[in-house]
Amino acid sequence: MRPHSRRHQGGASRLELAVAAVFGALAVGLLLNCLTRYQAESEQVAGKQLIGSLRTALAVRSAQVISTTGETGLLALAQQNPMTWLQRQPENYLGEYYSPNKAELPAGNWYFDRAGQTLVYLVASDKSFSSGIQKVLVFKVKLVRVSSPVNTGGQETGSTGLVLDELSDSSVAINNNAGSVSRPYSSEKK
């Protein structure tokens, strides 16, 4: 048998180490990219799940209120902080504020703006929600009326209820009074 030469016993060459380092860096980069995407998806799912829970809580409370106090109770319910309807508030809920400076609040958190009566989520990841540009999600409880297609006796009939609606950033400044009642629900047509 022939002895191995000393040149090959030293381990990997510099070229082999460089190639391994490049492949390692690419693998880490791909892993971080996937991790960022999964964090963004996780944030989106958590947000949608919370809004779904709030909408369910709103439906239950609306049914209770409409059966006891009617439309006046619905108007009062529309002015409440939706987070108070939950049995347990999420850990990323900051509380209630009056027109806060959004830039001073930490991203990835919810708060209730008392001035606009809106529930606001400060998006943590740019890739979390479809727009990619919008850094804030804003929700508001609104009173809605659905007219009945059949009109009996000249009176307008239909259903009244509340919805937790997502607002665009521009409509928040314009629509601070959304949900207020400007006319009675049952009225005679002229």
N, C-alpha and C. Protein backbone atom coordinates (compact mmCIF):
# COMPACT_ATOMS: atom_id res chain seq x y z
N MET A 1 0.81 -1.18 0.00
CA MET A 1 0.00 0.00 0.00
C MET A 1 0.86 1.25 0.00
N ARG A 2 0.33 2.22 -0.60
CA ARG A 2 1.05 3.46 -0.78
C ARG A 2 0.61 4.48 0.29
N PRO A 3 1.51 5.14 1.00
CA PRO A 3 1.14 6.12 2.02
C PRO A 3 0.56 7.38 1.36
N HIS A 4 -0.38 8.01 2.07
CA HIS A 4 -0.98 9.26 1.57
C HIS A 4 0.01 10.39 1.63
N SER A 5 -0.06 11.24 0.72
CA SER A 5 0.86 12.38 0.71
C SER A 5 0.40 13.39 1.76
N ARG A 6 1.29 14.17 2.26
CA ARG A 6 0.99 15.15 3.30
C ARG A 6 0.08 16.28 2.78
N ARG A 7 0.12 16.53 1.54
CA ARG A 7 -0.66 17.64 0.98
C ARG A 7 -2.16 17.44 1.15
N HIS A 8 -2.65 16.25 1.12
CA HIS A 8 -4.09 15.99 1.21
C HIS A 8 -4.54 15.71 2.63
N GLN A 9 -3.65 15.65 3.58
CA GLN A 9 -4.05 15.34 4.95
C GLN A 9 -4.43 16.58 5.74
N GLY A 10 -4.23 17.76 5.27
CA GLY A 10 -4.46 19.00 6.01
C GLY A 10 -5.93 19.39 6.14
N GLY A 11 -6.88 18.79 5.49
CA GLY A 11 -8.29 19.16 5.55
C GLY A 11 -8.72 19.89 4.30
N ALA A 12 -9.73 20.75 4.43
CA ALA A 12 -10.29 21.45 3.29
C ALA A 12 -9.40 22.60 2.84
N SER A 13 -9.41 22.84 1.56
CA SER A 13 -8.64 23.95 1.02
C SER A 13 -9.41 25.25 1.21
N ARG A 14 -8.78 26.36 0.94
CA ARG A 14 -9.43 27.66 1.08
C ARG A 14 -10.61 27.79 0.12
N LEU A 15 -10.49 27.26 -1.05
CA LEU A 15 -11.57 27.31 -2.02
C LEU A 15 -12.79 26.53 -1.51
N GLU A 16 -12.54 25.37 -0.97
CA GLU A 16 -13.65 24.56 -0.43
C GLU A 16 -14.32 25.28 0.73
N LEU A 17 -13.56 25.92 1.60
CA LEU A 17 -14.13 26.69 2.71
C LEU A 17 -14.94 27.88 2.20
N ALA A 18 -14.44 28.55 1.18
CA ALA A 18 -15.15 29.70 0.60
C ALA A 18 -16.48 29.26 -0.01
N VAL A 19 -16.47 28.15 -0.74
CA VAL A 19 -17.70 27.62 -1.35
C VAL A 19 -18.70 27.24 -0.25
N ALA A 20 -18.22 26.59 0.80
CA ALA A 20 -19.10 26.20 1.91
C ALA A 20 -19.67 27.43 2.61
N ALA A 21 -18.88 28.48 2.77
CA ALA A 21 -19.35 29.72 3.40
C ALA A 21 -20.42 30.39 2.54
N VAL A 22 -20.23 30.40 1.23
CA VAL A 22 -21.22 31.00 0.33
C VAL A 22 -22.54 30.23 0.40
N PHE A 23 -22.47 28.90 0.34
CA PHE A 23 -23.69 28.10 0.43
C PHE A 23 -24.36 28.26 1.79
N GLY A 24 -23.57 28.36 2.84
CA GLY A 24 -24.12 28.58 4.18
C GLY A 24 -24.83 29.92 4.27
N ALA A 25 -24.22 30.97 3.71
CA ALA A 25 -24.83 32.29 3.72
C ALA A 25 -26.13 32.31 2.91
N LEU A 26 -26.17 31.63 1.79
CA LEU A 26 -27.40 31.54 0.99
C LEU A 26 -28.49 30.82 1.76
N ALA A 27 -28.14 29.74 2.43
CA ALA A 27 -29.12 28.98 3.22
C ALA A 27 -29.68 29.83 4.35
N VAL A 28 -28.83 30.58 5.03
CA VAL A 28 -29.29 31.46 6.11
C VAL A 28 -30.19 32.56 5.56
N GLY A 29 -29.82 33.12 4.42
CA GLY A 29 -30.65 34.16 3.79
C GLY A 29 -32.02 33.64 3.43
N LEU A 30 -32.09 32.47 2.84
CA LEU A 30 -33.39 31.87 2.50
C LEU A 30 -34.20 31.58 3.75
N LEU A 31 -33.55 31.09 4.78
CA LEU A 31 -34.24 30.81 6.04
C LEU A 31 -34.82 32.08 6.66
N LEU A 32 -34.05 33.15 6.67
CA LEU A 32 -34.53 34.42 7.21
C LEU A 32 -35.69 34.99 6.39
N ASN A 33 -35.62 34.84 5.07
CA ASN A 33 -36.70 35.28 4.21
C ASN A 33 -37.99 34.52 4.53
N CYS A 34 -37.88 33.21 4.68
CA CYS A 34 -39.05 32.39 5.03
C CYS A 34 -39.57 32.76 6.40
N LEU A 35 -38.68 33.00 7.34
CA LEU A 35 -39.08 33.37 8.69
C LEU A 35 -39.84 34.68 8.70
N THR A 36 -39.37 35.65 7.93
CA THR A 36 -40.06 36.93 7.82
C THR A 36 -41.45 36.76 7.23
N ARG A 37 -41.55 35.93 6.20
CA ARG A 37 -42.85 35.67 5.58
C ARG A 37 -43.80 35.00 6.56
N TYR A 38 -43.29 34.03 7.33
CA TYR A 38 -44.14 33.33 8.30
C TYR A 38 -44.56 34.25 9.44
N GLN A 39 -43.69 35.16 9.85
CA GLN A 39 -44.07 36.13 10.87
C GLN A 39 -45.17 37.06 10.35
N ALA A 40 -45.05 37.49 9.10
CA ALA A 40 -46.06 38.35 8.50
C ALA A 40 -47.40 37.62 8.40
N GLU A 41 -47.37 36.36 7.97
CA GLU A 41 -48.61 35.57 7.89
C GLU A 41 -49.21 35.36 9.27
N SER A 42 -48.38 35.13 10.25
CA SER A 42 -48.84 34.95 11.62
C SER A 42 -49.53 36.22 12.14
N GLU A 43 -48.95 37.38 11.86
CA GLU A 43 -49.54 38.65 12.27
C GLU A 43 -50.90 38.85 11.60
N GLN A 44 -50.99 38.51 10.32
CA GLN A 44 -52.24 38.66 9.59
C GLN A 44 -53.32 37.74 10.14
N VAL A 45 -52.97 36.49 10.40
CA VAL A 45 -53.94 35.53 10.94
C VAL A 45 -54.42 35.96 12.32
N ALA A 46 -53.50 36.40 13.17
CA ALA A 46 -53.86 36.85 14.51
C ALA A 46 -54.81 38.05 14.45
N GLY A 47 -54.54 38.98 13.54
CA GLY A 47 -55.41 40.14 13.39
C GLY A 47 -56.80 39.77 12.92
N LYS A 48 -56.87 38.89 11.92
CA LYS A 48 -58.17 38.46 11.41
C LYS A 48 -58.94 37.66 12.45
N GLN A 49 -58.23 36.88 13.24
CA GLN A 49 -58.86 36.09 14.29
C GLN A 49 -59.46 37.00 15.36
N LEU A 50 -58.74 38.04 15.75
CA LEU A 50 -59.25 38.97 16.75
C LEU A 50 -60.47 39.71 16.22
N ILE A 51 -60.41 40.17 14.98
CA ILE A 51 -61.56 40.88 14.40
C ILE A 51 -62.77 39.94 14.32
N GLY A 52 -62.55 38.68 13.98
CA GLY A 52 -63.64 37.70 13.96
C GLY A 52 -64.26 37.53 15.34
N SER A 53 -63.43 37.47 16.37
CA SER A 53 -63.93 37.35 17.74
C SER A 53 -64.72 38.59 18.13
N LEU A 54 -64.23 39.76 17.75
CA LEU A 54 -64.94 41.00 18.06
C LEU A 54 -66.28 41.08 17.32
N ARG A 55 -66.31 40.61 16.09
CA ARG A 55 -67.57 40.62 15.34
C ARG A 55 -68.58 39.66 15.95
N THR A 56 -68.11 38.52 16.44
CA THR A 56 -69.00 37.57 17.12
C THR A 56 -69.53 38.19 18.41
N ALA A 57 -68.64 38.80 19.20
CA ALA A 57 -69.06 39.45 20.44
C ALA A 57 -70.06 40.57 20.15
N LEU A 58 -69.84 41.31 19.07
CA LEU A 58 -70.76 42.38 18.68
C LEU A 58 -72.13 41.81 18.32
N ALA A 59 -72.16 40.71 17.61
CA ALA A 59 -73.45 40.10 17.24
C ALA A 59 -74.22 39.65 18.47
N VAL A 60 -73.53 39.06 19.42
CA VAL A 60 -74.19 38.61 20.66
C VAL A 60 -74.71 39.80 21.45
N ARG A 61 -73.88 40.80 21.63
CA ARG A 61 -74.30 42.00 22.37
C ARG A 61 -75.42 42.74 21.66
N SER A 62 -75.35 42.82 20.34
CA SER A 62 -76.41 43.50 19.58
C SER A 62 -77.75 42.80 19.78
N ALA A 63 -77.74 41.48 19.75
CA ALA A 63 -78.98 40.73 19.94
C ALA A 63 -79.55 40.98 21.33
N GLN A 64 -78.69 41.03 22.34
CA GLN A 64 -79.15 41.29 23.71
C GLN A 64 -79.72 42.70 23.82
N VAL A 65 -79.02 43.67 23.26
CA VAL A 65 -79.42 45.07 23.38
C VAL A 65 -80.68 45.36 22.59
N ILE A 66 -80.80 44.85 21.38
CA ILE A 66 -81.97 45.15 20.55
C ILE A 66 -83.25 44.58 21.16
N SER A 67 -83.11 43.46 21.88
CA SER A 67 -84.31 42.88 22.50
C SER A 67 -84.73 43.62 23.76
N THR A 68 -83.83 44.38 24.36
CA THR A 68 -84.20 45.09 25.59
C THR A 68 -84.40 46.58 25.39
N THR A 69 -83.45 47.27 24.76
CA THR A 69 -83.54 48.73 24.66
C THR A 69 -83.73 49.25 23.24
N GLY A 70 -83.67 48.38 22.27
CA GLY A 70 -83.92 48.79 20.89
C GLY A 70 -82.78 49.57 20.27
N GLU A 71 -83.13 50.48 19.35
CA GLU A 71 -82.13 51.20 18.59
C GLU A 71 -81.29 52.14 19.44
N THR A 72 -81.88 52.69 20.50
CA THR A 72 -81.10 53.56 21.39
C THR A 72 -79.97 52.79 22.04
N GLY A 73 -80.23 51.55 22.42
CA GLY A 73 -79.19 50.71 23.00
C GLY A 73 -78.11 50.38 21.98
N LEU A 74 -78.51 50.19 20.72
CA LEU A 74 -77.53 49.93 19.68
C LEU A 74 -76.61 51.14 19.48
N LEU A 75 -77.19 52.33 19.53
CA LEU A 75 -76.36 53.53 19.40
C LEU A 75 -75.36 53.64 20.55
N ALA A 76 -75.79 53.31 21.75
CA ALA A 76 -74.88 53.33 22.90
C ALA A 76 -73.80 52.26 22.74
N LEU A 77 -74.18 51.08 22.26
CA LEU A 77 -73.23 50.00 22.05
C LEU A 77 -72.19 50.38 20.99
N ALA A 78 -72.61 51.12 19.98
CA ALA A 78 -71.69 51.54 18.91
C ALA A 78 -70.63 52.50 19.42
N GLN A 79 -70.87 53.15 20.56
CA GLN A 79 -69.91 54.10 21.12
C GLN A 79 -68.89 53.42 22.04
N GLN A 80 -69.09 52.14 22.35
CA GLN A 80 -68.21 51.44 23.28
C GLN A 80 -66.92 50.96 22.63
N ASN A 81 -65.95 50.69 23.47
CA ASN A 81 -64.68 50.11 23.04
C ASN A 81 -64.91 48.62 22.81
N PRO A 82 -64.74 48.12 21.59
CA PRO A 82 -64.98 46.69 21.31
C PRO A 82 -64.11 45.74 22.13
N MET A 83 -62.94 46.17 22.54
CA MET A 83 -62.06 45.30 23.32
C MET A 83 -62.67 44.94 24.67
N THR A 84 -63.57 45.78 25.18
CA THR A 84 -64.20 45.49 26.47
C THR A 84 -65.22 44.36 26.36
N TRP A 85 -65.58 43.99 25.15
CA TRP A 85 -66.54 42.90 24.96
C TRP A 85 -65.90 41.53 25.09
N LEU A 86 -64.59 41.50 25.01
CA LEU A 86 -63.88 40.22 25.08
C LEU A 86 -63.71 39.78 26.53
N GLN A 87 -63.75 38.48 26.75
CA GLN A 87 -63.53 37.94 28.08
C GLN A 87 -62.10 38.23 28.54
N ARG A 88 -61.17 38.14 27.60
CA ARG A 88 -59.76 38.42 27.88
C ARG A 88 -59.20 39.23 26.73
N GLN A 89 -58.64 40.37 27.05
CA GLN A 89 -58.07 41.23 26.01
C GLN A 89 -56.73 40.67 25.55
N PRO A 90 -56.38 40.86 24.28
CA PRO A 90 -55.10 40.34 23.77
C PRO A 90 -53.91 41.02 24.45
N GLU A 91 -52.80 40.32 24.48
CA GLU A 91 -51.59 40.85 25.12
C GLU A 91 -51.05 42.08 24.40
N ASN A 92 -51.33 42.20 23.12
CA ASN A 92 -50.81 43.35 22.37
C ASN A 92 -51.83 44.49 22.29
N TYR A 93 -52.72 44.59 23.30
CA TYR A 93 -53.67 45.69 23.38
C TYR A 93 -53.10 46.74 24.33
N LEU A 94 -52.90 47.96 23.84
CA LEU A 94 -52.26 49.03 24.63
C LEU A 94 -53.24 49.77 25.52
N GLY A 95 -54.53 49.77 25.20
CA GLY A 95 -55.52 50.49 25.99
C GLY A 95 -56.21 51.56 25.16
N GLU A 96 -56.81 52.53 25.87
CA GLU A 96 -57.55 53.60 25.22
C GLU A 96 -56.71 54.88 25.20
N TYR A 97 -56.80 55.60 24.08
CA TYR A 97 -56.07 56.85 23.91
C TYR A 97 -57.01 57.86 23.28
N TYR A 98 -56.71 59.15 23.47
CA TYR A 98 -57.43 60.22 22.78
C TYR A 98 -56.52 60.80 21.71
N SER A 99 -56.77 60.48 20.47
CA SER A 99 -56.00 60.95 19.30
C SER A 99 -54.49 60.86 19.52
N PRO A 100 -53.96 59.66 19.69
CA PRO A 100 -52.51 59.54 19.95
C PRO A 100 -51.69 59.77 18.68
N ASN A 101 -50.42 60.06 18.89
CA ASN A 101 -49.48 60.13 17.78
C ASN A 101 -49.08 58.69 17.47
N LYS A 102 -49.51 58.17 16.34
CA LYS A 102 -49.28 56.76 15.99
C LYS A 102 -47.79 56.42 15.90
N ALA A 103 -46.97 57.39 15.55
CA ALA A 103 -45.54 57.13 15.41
C ALA A 103 -44.88 56.85 16.76
N GLU A 104 -45.49 57.32 17.85
CA GLU A 104 -44.92 57.12 19.18
C GLU A 104 -45.32 55.78 19.80
N LEU A 105 -46.31 55.11 19.23
CA LEU A 105 -46.78 53.84 19.77
C LEU A 105 -46.05 52.68 19.09
N PRO A 106 -45.79 51.61 19.84
CA PRO A 106 -45.06 50.48 19.25
C PRO A 106 -45.90 49.72 18.20
N ALA A 107 -45.24 49.31 17.14
CA ALA A 107 -45.92 48.56 16.07
C ALA A 107 -46.30 47.18 16.57
N GLY A 108 -47.30 46.59 15.92
CA GLY A 108 -47.75 45.25 16.29
C GLY A 108 -48.72 45.26 17.45
N ASN A 109 -49.34 46.41 17.72
CA ASN A 109 -50.25 46.55 18.86
C ASN A 109 -51.57 47.18 18.46
N TRP A 110 -52.59 46.89 19.26
CA TRP A 110 -53.93 47.46 19.11
C TRP A 110 -54.11 48.58 20.13
N TYR A 111 -54.94 49.56 19.80
CA TYR A 111 -55.40 50.53 20.79
C TYR A 111 -56.76 51.05 20.34
N PHE A 112 -57.51 51.62 21.29
CA PHE A 112 -58.82 52.20 20.97
C PHE A 112 -58.68 53.71 21.04
N ASP A 113 -59.02 54.39 19.95
CA ASP A 113 -58.97 55.85 19.89
C ASP A 113 -60.33 56.40 20.32
N ARG A 114 -60.40 56.98 21.51
CA ARG A 114 -61.66 57.50 22.05
C ARG A 114 -62.18 58.66 21.22
N ALA A 115 -61.29 59.49 20.68
CA ALA A 115 -61.74 60.65 19.92
C ALA A 115 -62.49 60.22 18.66
N GLY A 116 -61.95 59.28 17.93
CA GLY A 116 -62.59 58.83 16.70
C GLY A 116 -63.46 57.60 16.90
N GLN A 117 -63.46 57.05 18.11
CA GLN A 117 -64.18 55.82 18.45
C GLN A 117 -63.84 54.72 17.45
N THR A 118 -62.54 54.55 17.25
CA THR A 118 -62.06 53.53 16.33
C THR A 118 -61.07 52.61 17.02
N LEU A 119 -61.05 51.38 16.57
CA LEU A 119 -60.09 50.40 17.03
C LEU A 119 -58.97 50.37 15.99
N VAL A 120 -57.73 50.56 16.43
CA VAL A 120 -56.61 50.74 15.52
C VAL A 120 -55.56 49.66 15.76
N TYR A 121 -55.04 49.10 14.67
CA TYR A 121 -53.92 48.16 14.75
C TYR A 121 -52.74 48.76 14.01
N LEU A 122 -51.61 48.84 14.69
CA LEU A 122 -50.38 49.34 14.09
C LEU A 122 -49.61 48.14 13.56
N VAL A 123 -49.55 48.02 12.25
CA VAL A 123 -48.96 46.85 11.59
C VAL A 123 -47.46 46.80 11.86
N ALA A 124 -46.99 45.62 12.27
CA ALA A 124 -45.56 45.45 12.58
C ALA A 124 -44.75 45.12 11.34
N SER A 125 -45.29 44.31 10.45
CA SER A 125 -44.55 43.87 9.27
C SER A 125 -45.18 44.47 8.02
N ASP A 126 -44.34 45.03 7.16
CA ASP A 126 -44.85 45.62 5.91
C ASP A 126 -45.53 44.58 5.03
N LYS A 127 -45.17 43.32 5.17
CA LYS A 127 -45.70 42.27 4.30
C LYS A 127 -46.92 41.58 4.89
N SER A 128 -47.41 42.05 6.04
CA SER A 128 -48.49 41.35 6.73
C SER A 128 -49.82 41.44 6.02
N PHE A 129 -50.17 42.59 5.56
CA PHE A 129 -51.49 42.80 4.98
C PHE A 129 -51.36 43.20 3.53
N SER A 130 -52.40 43.00 2.78
CA SER A 130 -52.35 43.06 1.32
C SER A 130 -51.81 44.37 0.76
N SER A 131 -52.11 45.50 1.38
CA SER A 131 -51.71 46.77 0.76
C SER A 131 -50.21 46.98 0.77
N GLY A 132 -49.54 46.55 1.81
CA GLY A 132 -48.10 46.74 1.89
C GLY A 132 -47.70 48.17 2.18
N ILE A 133 -48.54 49.14 1.84
CA ILE A 133 -48.26 50.55 2.07
C ILE A 133 -48.88 50.99 3.39
N GLN A 134 -50.07 50.53 3.66
CA GLN A 134 -50.80 50.94 4.84
C GLN A 134 -50.15 50.37 6.10
N LYS A 135 -49.79 51.23 7.03
CA LYS A 135 -49.13 50.83 8.27
C LYS A 135 -50.12 50.73 9.43
N VAL A 136 -51.39 51.08 9.18
CA VAL A 136 -52.40 51.12 10.23
C VAL A 136 -53.69 50.51 9.70
N LEU A 137 -54.32 49.67 10.51
CA LEU A 137 -55.65 49.15 10.19
C LEU A 137 -56.63 49.78 11.17
N VAL A 138 -57.73 50.32 10.67
CA VAL A 138 -58.67 51.03 11.50
C VAL A 138 -60.06 50.40 11.34
N PHE A 139 -60.70 50.12 12.49
CA PHE A 139 -62.03 49.52 12.51
C PHE A 139 -62.96 50.38 13.33
N LYS A 140 -64.24 50.42 12.93
CA LYS A 140 -65.23 51.22 13.64
C LYS A 140 -66.55 50.47 13.67
N VAL A 141 -67.24 50.56 14.80
CA VAL A 141 -68.57 49.98 14.92
C VAL A 141 -69.55 50.99 14.32
N LYS A 142 -70.33 50.52 13.36
CA LYS A 142 -71.28 51.40 12.66
C LYS A 142 -72.69 50.84 12.75
N LEU A 143 -73.65 51.75 12.83
CA LEU A 143 -75.06 51.39 12.79
C LEU A 143 -75.47 51.28 11.32
N VAL A 144 -76.11 50.17 10.96
CA VAL A 144 -76.57 49.99 9.58
C VAL A 144 -78.06 49.71 9.58
N ARG A 145 -78.68 50.14 8.52
CA ARG A 145 -80.12 49.89 8.34
C ARG A 145 -80.32 49.22 6.99
N VAL A 146 -81.12 48.19 6.98
CA VAL A 146 -81.45 47.50 5.75
C VAL A 146 -82.95 47.61 5.58
N SER A 147 -83.38 48.26 4.50
CA SER A 147 -84.80 48.44 4.25
C SER A 147 -85.43 47.16 3.74
N SER A 148 -86.67 46.98 4.09
CA SER A 148 -87.43 45.83 3.62
C SER A 148 -87.93 46.13 2.22
N PRO A 149 -87.94 45.12 1.33
CA PRO A 149 -88.42 45.37 -0.03
C PRO A 149 -89.93 45.59 -0.09
N VAL A 150 -90.66 45.13 0.92
CA VAL A 150 -92.11 45.29 0.94
C VAL A 150 -92.45 46.48 1.83
N ASN A 151 -93.19 47.41 1.28
CA ASN A 151 -93.55 48.60 2.01
C ASN A 151 -95.03 48.53 2.36
N THR A 152 -95.33 48.43 3.65
CA THR A 152 -96.74 48.31 4.07
C THR A 152 -97.19 49.57 4.78
N GLY A 153 -98.33 50.08 4.38
CA GLY A 153 -98.94 51.22 5.05
C GLY A 153 -98.16 52.52 4.96
N GLY A 154 -97.31 52.67 3.99
CA GLY A 154 -96.59 53.92 3.82
C GLY A 154 -95.45 54.11 4.79
N GLN A 155 -95.16 53.10 5.62
CA GLN A 155 -94.05 53.23 6.56
C GLN A 155 -92.83 52.46 6.07
N GLU A 156 -91.68 53.04 6.35
CA GLU A 156 -90.43 52.39 5.99
C GLU A 156 -90.12 51.34 7.05
N THR A 157 -89.90 50.09 6.64
CA THR A 157 -89.59 49.02 7.59
C THR A 157 -88.28 48.36 7.19
N GLY A 158 -87.73 47.63 8.12
CA GLY A 158 -86.48 46.95 7.83
C GLY A 158 -85.78 46.56 9.10
N SER A 159 -84.50 46.28 8.97
CA SER A 159 -83.70 45.83 10.11
C SER A 159 -82.61 46.85 10.41
N THR A 160 -82.28 46.92 11.69
CA THR A 160 -81.20 47.78 12.15
C THR A 160 -80.19 46.90 12.86
N GLY A 161 -78.93 47.16 12.67
CA GLY A 161 -77.90 46.39 13.34
C GLY A 161 -76.58 47.12 13.37
N LEU A 162 -75.59 46.48 13.97
CA LEU A 162 -74.25 47.05 14.06
C LEU A 162 -73.26 46.16 13.32
N VAL A 163 -72.27 46.77 12.72
CA VAL A 163 -71.17 46.04 12.08
C VAL A 163 -69.85 46.64 12.53
N LEU A 164 -68.84 45.79 12.60
CA LEU A 164 -67.47 46.25 12.85
C LEU A 164 -66.82 46.33 11.48
N ASP A 165 -66.68 47.55 10.98
CA ASP A 165 -66.26 47.78 9.60
C ASP A 165 -64.83 48.31 9.57
N GLU A 166 -64.05 47.86 8.56
CA GLU A 166 -62.70 48.37 8.38
C GLU A 166 -62.77 49.66 7.58
N LEU A 167 -62.06 50.67 8.05
CA LEU A 167 -62.04 51.96 7.38
C LEU A 167 -60.71 52.15 6.68
N SER A 168 -60.71 52.96 5.65
CA SER A 168 -59.43 53.34 5.05
C SER A 168 -58.87 54.48 5.88
N ASP A 169 -57.58 54.72 5.81
CA ASP A 169 -56.94 55.78 6.59
C ASP A 169 -57.54 57.14 6.29
N SER A 170 -57.90 57.40 5.03
CA SER A 170 -58.44 58.70 4.66
C SER A 170 -59.86 58.91 5.18
N SER A 171 -60.62 57.82 5.32
CA SER A 171 -62.00 57.98 5.79
C SER A 171 -62.07 58.18 7.29
N VAL A 172 -61.00 57.92 8.02
CA VAL A 172 -61.02 58.10 9.47
C VAL A 172 -61.18 59.58 9.81
N ALA A 173 -60.46 60.44 9.13
CA ALA A 173 -60.55 61.87 9.41
C ALA A 173 -61.90 62.44 8.96
N ILE A 174 -62.43 61.94 7.87
CA ILE A 174 -63.68 62.44 7.32
C ILE A 174 -64.88 61.90 8.09
N ASN A 175 -64.83 60.63 8.48
CA ASN A 175 -65.99 59.93 9.02
C ASN A 175 -65.98 59.76 10.53
N ASN A 176 -65.54 60.71 11.28
CA ASN A 176 -65.50 60.55 12.72
C ASN A 176 -66.89 60.43 13.33
N ASN A 177 -67.92 60.87 12.63
CA ASN A 177 -69.27 60.80 13.16
C ASN A 177 -70.08 59.66 12.56
N ALA A 178 -69.43 58.69 11.92
CA ALA A 178 -70.15 57.57 11.32
C ALA A 178 -70.90 56.82 12.40
N GLY A 179 -72.11 56.40 12.08
CA GLY A 179 -72.91 55.64 13.03
C GLY A 179 -73.90 56.51 13.77
N SER A 180 -73.84 57.82 13.62
CA SER A 180 -74.82 58.66 14.31
C SER A 180 -76.13 58.64 13.52
N VAL A 181 -77.20 58.78 14.24
CA VAL A 181 -78.52 58.70 13.61
C VAL A 181 -79.00 60.10 13.28
N SER A 182 -79.35 60.32 12.05
CA SER A 182 -79.83 61.63 11.65
C SER A 182 -81.34 61.66 11.49
N ARG A 183 -81.97 60.50 11.44
CA ARG A 183 -83.44 60.45 11.29
C ARG A 183 -83.95 59.22 12.01
N PRO A 184 -85.21 59.26 12.44
CA PRO A 184 -85.78 58.07 13.07
C PRO A 184 -85.90 56.93 12.06
N TYR A 185 -85.87 55.72 12.53
CA TYR A 185 -85.89 54.55 11.63
C TYR A 185 -87.24 54.36 10.98
N SER A 186 -88.33 54.42 11.74
CA SER A 186 -89.68 54.30 11.16
C SER A 186 -90.19 55.68 10.85
N SER A 187 -90.39 55.96 9.60
CA SER A 187 -90.91 57.27 9.20
C SER A 187 -91.93 57.08 8.09
N GLU A 188 -92.84 58.01 8.05
CA GLU A 188 -93.84 57.93 6.99
C GLU A 188 -93.29 58.58 5.75
N LYS A 189 -93.56 57.94 4.62
CA LYS A 189 -93.12 58.51 3.34
C LYS A 189 -94.11 59.55 2.90
N LYS A 190 -93.60 60.59 2.30
CA LYS A 190 -94.47 61.66 1.80
C LYS A 190 -94.63 61.58 0.33
